[in-house]
Amino acid sequence: MDGTVGIRTAGEADFDALTDLWERSARSSHTFMDDEVFAQQRPRVRDLLLPSMDVWVAESDGELLGFVGAREDVVELLYVAPEAQGRGLGPSLLSYVDGGAGAHSVEVYADNAVGVAFYTGQGFAEQLRYSVTVGGGTFEVMRLTRPAT
C-alpha cells in the first residue's frame, strides 16, 4: 500500500461503486437538493449516464477516489470522494477528457459553489444559464466553457 493514485478507464463492473461515490460526493456539494432528488438520480447515473460516456476513475490501493465521465470534450460528470478532495484529483481527471486535450465544456448547478469554484479555477467561464426541473425542484444550471488547449 503505497498510496499512489492511478487513473484508468472504468468498466461496467465499476458502475455500482461509481454511483455510490457520485452520491457521497454530490450530497456534500449539492446541499440544495433533497433526498428525493438523489433517489431519482441514482438509477439515471447508474443505468443511463455512466454507460453512455467515456469514464475514467482515480484509485489508490484499490479504492475509487473519483471519476470523470465525458462525451468527446464535454464533461458530464466529475466527482471526487469528499475525503479525497483537495489532492489534485479533479484537474488530473479533467486532463483525460478528449484524448488528453482536456475538457472544453461543462455544466454545473449554479448553487454548487464548490463545483463553480473548481471549474472557474480551471479556466472555465460562464456562457449561459438555464433552469431544469429535477425531483420536483427547479435548479439553475450554468454552462461553462474554456478554450481548447
C-alpha atoms as a PDB file:
ATOM      1  CA  MET A   1       0.000   0.000   0.000  1.00  0.00           C
ATOM      2  CA  ASP A   2       1.936   2.972  -1.289  1.00  0.00           C
ATOM      3  CA  GLY A   3      -0.911   5.470  -1.716  1.00  0.00           C
ATOM      4  CA  THR A   4      -0.043   6.129  -5.354  1.00  0.00           C
ATOM      5  CA  VAL A   5      -3.036   7.353  -7.330  1.00  0.00           C
ATOM      6  CA  GLY A   6      -3.592   5.875 -10.759  1.00  0.00           C
ATOM      7  CA  ILE A   7      -6.146   6.751 -13.402  1.00  0.00           C
ATOM      8  CA  ARG A   8      -7.694   4.083 -15.598  1.00  0.00           C
ATOM      9  CA  THR A   9     -10.649   3.561 -17.871  1.00  0.00           C
ATOM     10  CA  ALA A  10     -13.771   2.463 -15.996  1.00  0.00           C
ATOM     11  CA  GLY A  11     -15.744  -0.611 -16.904  1.00  0.00           C
ATOM     12  CA  GLU A  12     -19.297  -1.714 -16.237  1.00  0.00           C
ATOM     13  CA  ALA A  13     -18.076  -3.609 -13.159  1.00  0.00           C
ATOM     14  CA  ASP A  14     -17.230  -0.197 -11.628  1.00  0.00           C
ATOM     15  CA  PHE A  15     -20.662   1.371 -12.129  1.00  0.00           C
ATOM     16  CA  ASP A  16     -22.200   0.411  -8.760  1.00  0.00           C
ATOM     17  CA  ALA A  17     -19.200   1.749  -6.832  1.00  0.00           C
ATOM     18  CA  LEU A  18     -19.086   4.871  -9.014  1.00  0.00           C
ATOM     19  CA  THR A  19     -22.774   5.510  -8.373  1.00  0.00           C
ATOM     20  CA  ASP A  20     -22.116   5.266  -4.624  1.00  0.00           C
ATOM     21  CA  LEU A  21     -19.161   7.653  -4.972  1.00  0.00           C
ATOM     22  CA  TRP A  22     -21.311  10.022  -7.051  1.00  0.00           C
ATOM     23  CA  GLU A  23     -23.953  10.139  -4.323  1.00  0.00           C
ATOM     24  CA  ARG A  24     -21.483  10.702  -1.467  1.00  0.00           C
ATOM     25  CA  SER A  25     -19.729  13.469  -3.355  1.00  0.00           C
ATOM     26  CA  ALA A  26     -22.905  15.085  -4.677  1.00  0.00           C
ATOM     27  CA  ARG A  27     -24.516  15.106  -1.233  1.00  0.00           C
ATOM     28  CA  SER A  28     -21.518  17.034   0.112  1.00  0.00           C
ATOM     29  CA  SER A  29     -21.657  19.722  -2.594  1.00  0.00           C
ATOM     30  CA  HIS A  30     -25.333  19.692  -3.627  1.00  0.00           C
ATOM     31  CA  THR A  31     -26.760  20.624  -0.234  1.00  0.00           C
ATOM     32  CA  PHE A  32     -29.569  22.460  -2.031  1.00  0.00           C
ATOM     33  CA  MET A  33     -31.045  19.113  -3.189  1.00  0.00           C
ATOM     34  CA  ASP A  34     -33.140  16.791  -1.057  1.00  0.00           C
ATOM     35  CA  ASP A  35     -33.273  13.012  -0.656  1.00  0.00           C
ATOM     36  CA  GLU A  36     -35.963  12.695  -3.333  1.00  0.00           C
ATOM     37  CA  VAL A  37     -33.631  14.140  -5.964  1.00  0.00           C
ATOM     38  CA  PHE A  38     -30.840  11.723  -5.076  1.00  0.00           C
ATOM     39  CA  ALA A  39     -33.243   8.773  -5.076  1.00  0.00           C
ATOM     40  CA  GLN A  40     -34.462   9.738  -8.549  1.00  0.00           C
ATOM     41  CA  GLN A  41     -30.992  10.399  -9.928  1.00  0.00           C
ATOM     42  CA  ARG A  42     -29.223   7.219  -8.710  1.00  0.00           C
ATOM     43  CA  PRO A  43     -30.693   4.913 -11.383  1.00  0.00           C
ATOM     44  CA  ARG A  44     -30.194   7.599 -14.026  1.00  0.00           C
ATOM     45  CA  VAL A  45     -26.499   7.889 -13.154  1.00  0.00           C
ATOM     46  CA  ARG A  46     -26.001   4.107 -12.941  1.00  0.00           C
ATOM     47  CA  ASP A  47     -28.052   2.913 -15.891  1.00  0.00           C
ATOM     48  CA  LEU A  48     -28.139   5.838 -18.327  1.00  0.00           C
ATOM     49  CA  LEU A  49     -25.256   8.242 -17.834  1.00  0.00           C
ATOM     50  CA  LEU A  50     -22.288   6.028 -16.962  1.00  0.00           C
ATOM     51  CA  PRO A  51     -22.861   3.518 -19.805  1.00  0.00           C
ATOM     52  CA  SER A  52     -23.271   6.311 -22.366  1.00  0.00           C
ATOM     53  CA  MET A  53     -19.908   8.036 -21.982  1.00  0.00           C
ATOM     54  CA  ASP A  54     -16.184   7.548 -21.598  1.00  0.00           C
ATOM     55  CA  VAL A  55     -15.375   7.234 -17.894  1.00  0.00           C
ATOM     56  CA  TRP A  56     -12.004   7.371 -16.137  1.00  0.00           C
ATOM     57  CA  VAL A  57     -11.501   6.585 -12.461  1.00  0.00           C
ATOM     58  CA  ALA A  58      -8.844   7.684  -9.998  1.00  0.00           C
ATOM     59  CA  GLU A  59      -7.943   4.996  -7.497  1.00  0.00           C
ATOM     60  CA  SER A  60      -5.360   4.190  -4.892  1.00  0.00           C
ATOM     61  CA  ASP A  61      -4.757   0.765  -3.386  1.00  0.00           C
ATOM     62  CA  GLY A  62      -7.982  -0.478  -4.996  1.00  0.00           C
ATOM     63  CA  GLU A  63     -10.124   2.331  -3.551  1.00  0.00           C
ATOM     64  CA  LEU A  64     -12.048   4.517  -6.001  1.00  0.00           C
ATOM     65  CA  LEU A  65     -11.337   8.159  -5.202  1.00  0.00           C
ATOM     66  CA  GLY A  66     -13.012   9.984  -8.067  1.00  0.00           C
ATOM     67  CA  PHE A  67     -14.157   9.793 -11.652  1.00  0.00           C
ATOM     68  CA  VAL A  68     -14.895  11.836 -14.734  1.00  0.00           C
ATOM     69  CA  GLY A  69     -17.411  10.949 -17.416  1.00  0.00           C
ATOM     70  CA  ALA A  70     -17.391  12.753 -20.745  1.00  0.00           C
ATOM     71  CA  ARG A  71     -18.634  12.693 -24.290  1.00  0.00           C
ATOM     72  CA  GLU A  72     -15.831  13.980 -26.505  1.00  0.00           C
ATOM     73  CA  ASP A  73     -14.746  17.263 -24.864  1.00  0.00           C
ATOM     74  CA  VAL A  74     -17.881  17.768 -22.740  1.00  0.00           C
ATOM     75  CA  VAL A  75     -17.717  16.783 -19.079  1.00  0.00           C
ATOM     76  CA  GLU A  76     -20.982  15.197 -17.990  1.00  0.00           C
ATOM     77  CA  LEU A  77     -19.880  14.000 -14.529  1.00  0.00           C
ATOM     78  CA  LEU A  78     -16.847  14.784 -12.372  1.00  0.00           C
ATOM     79  CA  TYR A  79     -16.944  13.706  -8.751  1.00  0.00           C
ATOM     80  CA  VAL A  80     -14.252  13.168  -6.136  1.00  0.00           C
ATOM     81  CA  ALA A  81     -14.899  11.407  -2.830  1.00  0.00           C
ATOM     82  CA  PRO A  82     -15.224  14.012  -0.060  1.00  0.00           C
ATOM     83  CA  GLU A  83     -12.258  12.546   1.830  1.00  0.00           C
ATOM     84  CA  ALA A  84     -10.059  12.748  -1.301  1.00  0.00           C
ATOM     85  CA  GLN A  85     -10.862  16.336  -2.279  1.00  0.00           C
ATOM     86  CA  GLY A  86      -8.050  18.863  -2.317  1.00  0.00           C
ATOM     87  CA  ARG A  87      -5.455  16.358  -3.577  1.00  0.00           C
ATOM     88  CA  GLY A  88      -5.458  17.459  -7.231  1.00  0.00           C
ATOM     89  CA  LEU A  89      -7.618  14.597  -8.479  1.00  0.00           C
ATOM     90  CA  GLY A  90     -10.157  16.835 -10.240  1.00  0.00           C
ATOM     91  CA  PRO A  91      -7.602  18.523 -12.520  1.00  0.00           C
ATOM     92  CA  SER A  92      -5.911  15.180 -13.158  1.00  0.00           C
ATOM     93  CA  LEU A  93      -9.195  13.597 -14.204  1.00  0.00           C
ATOM     94  CA  LEU A  94     -10.054  16.560 -16.460  1.00  0.00           C
ATOM     95  CA  SER A  95      -6.810  16.007 -18.353  1.00  0.00           C
ATOM     96  CA  TYR A  96      -8.085  12.632 -19.588  1.00  0.00           C
ATOM     97  CA  VAL A  97     -11.075  14.137 -21.389  1.00  0.00           C
ATOM     98  CA  ASP A  98     -10.980  14.478 -25.186  1.00  0.00           C
ATOM     99  CA  GLY A  99      -7.990  12.218 -25.703  1.00  0.00           C
ATOM    100  CA  GLY A 100      -5.825  14.227 -23.358  1.00  0.00           C
ATOM    101  CA  ALA A 101      -6.712  17.598 -24.900  1.00  0.00           C
ATOM    102  CA  GLY A 102      -8.847  18.410 -21.864  1.00  0.00           C
ATOM    103  CA  ALA A 103     -12.447  19.388 -21.371  1.00  0.00           C
ATOM    104  CA  HIS A 104     -13.848  22.380 -23.193  1.00  0.00           C
ATOM    105  CA  SER A 105     -17.377  22.456 -21.801  1.00  0.00           C
ATOM    106  CA  VAL A 106     -19.145  21.520 -18.584  1.00  0.00           C
ATOM    107  CA  GLU A 107     -22.494  22.150 -16.952  1.00  0.00           C
ATOM    108  CA  VAL A 108     -22.800  22.698 -13.221  1.00  0.00           C
ATOM    109  CA  TYR A 109     -25.640  23.660 -10.910  1.00  0.00           C
ATOM    110  CA  ALA A 110     -25.327  27.367 -10.098  1.00  0.00           C
ATOM    111  CA  ASP A 111     -25.926  26.610  -6.393  1.00  0.00           C
ATOM    112  CA  ASN A 112     -22.974  24.181  -6.347  1.00  0.00           C
ATOM    113  CA  ALA A 113     -20.416  26.678  -5.036  1.00  0.00           C
ATOM    114  CA  VAL A 114     -17.705  24.004  -4.787  1.00  0.00           C
ATOM    115  CA  GLY A 115     -18.182  22.952  -8.417  1.00  0.00           C
ATOM    116  CA  VAL A 116     -18.402  26.501  -9.769  1.00  0.00           C
ATOM    117  CA  ALA A 117     -15.212  27.492  -7.915  1.00  0.00           C
ATOM    118  CA  PHE A 118     -13.412  24.370  -9.146  1.00  0.00           C
ATOM    119  CA  TYR A 119     -14.297  24.873 -12.806  1.00  0.00           C
ATOM    120  CA  THR A 120     -13.622  28.618 -12.858  1.00  0.00           C
ATOM    121  CA  GLY A 121     -10.270  27.861 -11.220  1.00  0.00           C
ATOM    122  CA  GLN A 122      -9.562  25.515 -14.132  1.00  0.00           C
ATOM    123  CA  GLY A 123     -10.127  28.303 -16.672  1.00  0.00           C
ATOM    124  CA  PHE A 124     -13.801  27.753 -17.472  1.00  0.00           C
ATOM    125  CA  ALA A 125     -16.051  30.797 -17.939  1.00  0.00           C
ATOM    126  CA  GLU A 126     -19.826  31.044 -17.881  1.00  0.00           C
ATOM    127  CA  GLN A 127     -21.514  31.062 -21.278  1.00  0.00           C
ATOM    128  CA  LEU A 128     -25.191  30.711 -20.375  1.00  0.00           C
ATOM    129  CA  ARG A 129     -27.716  29.677 -17.734  1.00  0.00           C
ATOM    130  CA  TYR A 130     -30.947  27.748 -17.901  1.00  0.00           C
ATOM    131  CA  SER A 131     -33.356  26.052 -15.497  1.00  0.00           C
ATOM    132  CA  VAL A 132     -34.095  22.343 -15.098  1.00  0.00           C
ATOM    133  CA  THR A 133     -36.673  20.525 -13.007  1.00  0.00           C
ATOM    134  CA  VAL A 134     -35.362  17.531 -11.069  1.00  0.00           C
ATOM    135  CA  GLY A 135     -37.267  15.649  -8.370  1.00  0.00           C
ATOM    136  CA  GLY A 136     -39.910  18.324  -8.065  1.00  0.00           C
ATOM    137  CA  GLY A 137     -37.381  21.144  -7.650  1.00  0.00           C
ATOM    138  CA  THR A 138     -36.215  23.701 -10.195  1.00  0.00           C
ATOM    139  CA  PHE A 139     -32.491  24.393 -10.371  1.00  0.00           C
ATOM    140  CA  GLU A 140     -30.394  26.819 -12.367  1.00  0.00           C
ATOM    141  CA  VAL A 141     -27.620  25.258 -14.461  1.00  0.00           C
ATOM    142  CA  MET A 142     -24.551  27.097 -15.737  1.00  0.00           C
ATOM    143  CA  ARG A 143     -22.792  26.065 -18.937  1.00  0.00           C
ATOM    144  CA  LEU A 144     -19.094  26.852 -18.674  1.00  0.00           C
ATOM    145  CA  THR A 145     -16.531  26.646 -21.465  1.00  0.00           C
ATOM    146  CA  ARG A 146     -12.811  27.152 -21.901  1.00  0.00           C
ATOM    147  CA  PRO A 147     -10.626  27.412 -24.976  1.00  0.00           C
ATOM    148  CA  ALA A 148      -9.168  24.249 -26.465  1.00  0.00           C
ATOM    149  CA  THR A 149      -5.598  23.586 -25.411  1.00  0.00           C
END
